[in-house]
Amino acid sequence: MPAYEICYLDEEGDLTYKFSADCDDDQRAKILAHAMKLPSAKKLEVWSGEMLIYSRPSVIWERQAMGAG
């Protein structure tokens, strides 16, 4: 079972909290990340080792929201 690191960041992109979890696959790690998210967290990231596998809001969405997309 792969190990994932789930990170939550504030408005400035600073880490507010994180935890590690063993999940069956990437999809289950993403679901867990959303289920554990506190309302104060503005962004979440799911990492598998050195690889970022999921981020919300996505970089594309952030660019569009800022008018650069």
C-alpha atoms as a PDB file:
ATOM      1  CA  MET A   1       0.000   0.000   0.000  1.00  0.00           C
ATOM      2  CA  PRO A   2       1.545   3.346  -1.029  1.00  0.00           C
ATOM      3  CA  ALA A   3       2.262   6.006   1.585  1.00  0.00           C
ATOM      4  CA  TYR A   4       1.001   9.536   0.926  1.00  0.00           C
ATOM      5  CA  GLU A   5       1.690  12.867   2.584  1.00  0.00           C
ATOM      6  CA  ILE A   6      -1.329  15.159   2.720  1.00  0.00           C
ATOM      7  CA  CYS A   7      -0.581  18.860   3.262  1.00  0.00           C
ATOM      8  CA  TYR A   8      -2.872  21.805   3.968  1.00  0.00           C
ATOM      9  CA  LEU A   9      -1.839  25.405   3.348  1.00  0.00           C
ATOM     10  CA  ASP A  10      -3.218  28.843   4.254  1.00  0.00           C
ATOM     11  CA  GLU A  11      -3.929  31.838   1.983  1.00  0.00           C
ATOM     12  CA  GLU A  12      -0.218  32.719   1.751  1.00  0.00           C
ATOM     13  CA  GLY A  13       0.769  29.166   0.863  1.00  0.00           C
ATOM     14  CA  ASP A  14       2.270  28.428   4.281  1.00  0.00           C
ATOM     15  CA  LEU A  15       1.890  24.905   5.635  1.00  0.00           C
ATOM     16  CA  THR A  16      -0.738  24.762   8.385  1.00  0.00           C
ATOM     17  CA  TYR A  17      -0.770  21.005   8.985  1.00  0.00           C
ATOM     18  CA  LYS A  18       0.048  17.705   7.344  1.00  0.00           C
ATOM     19  CA  PHE A  19      -0.226  13.991   7.952  1.00  0.00           C
ATOM     20  CA  SER A  20       0.865  10.734   6.358  1.00  0.00           C
ATOM     21  CA  ALA A  21      -1.491   7.957   5.350  1.00  0.00           C
ATOM     22  CA  ASP A  22      -1.323   4.584   3.664  1.00  0.00           C
ATOM     23  CA  CYS A  23      -3.956   4.387   0.921  1.00  0.00           C
ATOM     24  CA  ASP A  24      -4.751   1.760  -1.708  1.00  0.00           C
ATOM     25  CA  ASP A  25      -4.241   4.203  -4.580  1.00  0.00           C
ATOM     26  CA  ASP A  26      -4.047   7.876  -5.605  1.00  0.00           C
ATOM     27  CA  GLN A  27      -7.830   8.251  -5.809  1.00  0.00           C
ATOM     28  CA  ARG A  28      -8.352   7.119  -2.202  1.00  0.00           C
ATOM     29  CA  ALA A  29      -5.608   9.495  -1.051  1.00  0.00           C
ATOM     30  CA  LYS A  30      -7.392  12.397  -2.788  1.00  0.00           C
ATOM     31  CA  ILE A  31     -10.702  11.463  -1.170  1.00  0.00           C
ATOM     32  CA  LEU A  32      -9.067  11.244   2.250  1.00  0.00           C
ATOM     33  CA  ALA A  33      -7.419  14.648   1.746  1.00  0.00           C
ATOM     34  CA  HIS A  34     -10.796  16.281   1.091  1.00  0.00           C
ATOM     35  CA  ALA A  35     -12.502  14.410   3.932  1.00  0.00           C
ATOM     36  CA  MET A  36      -9.921  15.584   6.487  1.00  0.00           C
ATOM     37  CA  LYS A  37      -9.734  19.216   5.280  1.00  0.00           C
ATOM     38  CA  LEU A  38     -10.625  21.882   7.828  1.00  0.00           C
ATOM     39  CA  PRO A  39     -12.510  24.970   6.617  1.00  0.00           C
ATOM     40  CA  SER A  40      -9.498  27.151   7.475  1.00  0.00           C
ATOM     41  CA  ALA A  41      -7.298  25.349   4.914  1.00  0.00           C
ATOM     42  CA  LYS A  42      -7.290  27.188   1.580  1.00  0.00           C
ATOM     43  CA  LYS A  43      -5.228  24.695  -0.410  1.00  0.00           C
ATOM     44  CA  LEU A  44      -4.440  21.007  -0.196  1.00  0.00           C
ATOM     45  CA  GLU A  45      -1.707  18.900  -1.725  1.00  0.00           C
ATOM     46  CA  VAL A  46      -1.274  15.137  -1.924  1.00  0.00           C
ATOM     47  CA  TRP A  47       2.274  13.856  -2.344  1.00  0.00           C
ATOM     48  CA  SER A  48       3.544  10.386  -3.129  1.00  0.00           C
ATOM     49  CA  GLY A  49       7.225  10.513  -2.309  1.00  0.00           C
ATOM     50  CA  GLU A  50       8.706  13.424  -4.260  1.00  0.00           C
ATOM     51  CA  MET A  51       5.793  13.570  -6.714  1.00  0.00           C
ATOM     52  CA  LEU A  52       2.866  15.962  -6.300  1.00  0.00           C
ATOM     53  CA  ILE A  53      -0.125  13.924  -7.451  1.00  0.00           C
ATOM     54  CA  TYR A  54      -2.978  16.300  -6.572  1.00  0.00           C
ATOM     55  CA  SER A  55      -3.496  19.923  -5.619  1.00  0.00           C
ATOM     56  CA  ARG A  56      -6.637  22.004  -5.039  1.00  0.00           C
ATOM     57  CA  PRO A  57      -7.229  24.605  -6.088  1.00  0.00           C
ATOM     58  CA  SER A  58      -5.141  23.699  -9.097  1.00  0.00           C
ATOM     59  CA  VAL A  59      -2.489  26.024 -10.497  1.00  0.00           C
ATOM     60  CA  ILE A  60      -4.592  26.505 -13.652  1.00  0.00           C
ATOM     61  CA  TRP A  61      -7.619  27.548 -11.582  1.00  0.00           C
ATOM     62  CA  GLU A  62      -5.516  30.000  -9.561  1.00  0.00           C
ATOM     63  CA  ARG A  63      -4.191  31.649 -12.736  1.00  0.00           C
ATOM     64  CA  GLN A  64      -7.710  31.994 -14.140  1.00  0.00           C
ATOM     65  CA  ALA A  65      -8.981  33.449 -10.877  1.00  0.00           C
ATOM     66  CA  MET A  66      -6.191  36.045 -10.970  1.00  0.00           C
ATOM     67  CA  GLY A  67      -7.028  36.970 -14.575  1.00  0.00           C
ATOM     68  CA  ALA A  68      -3.836  35.545 -16.059  1.00  0.00           C
ATOM     69  CA  GLY A  69      -5.481  32.560 -17.736  1.00  0.00           C
END
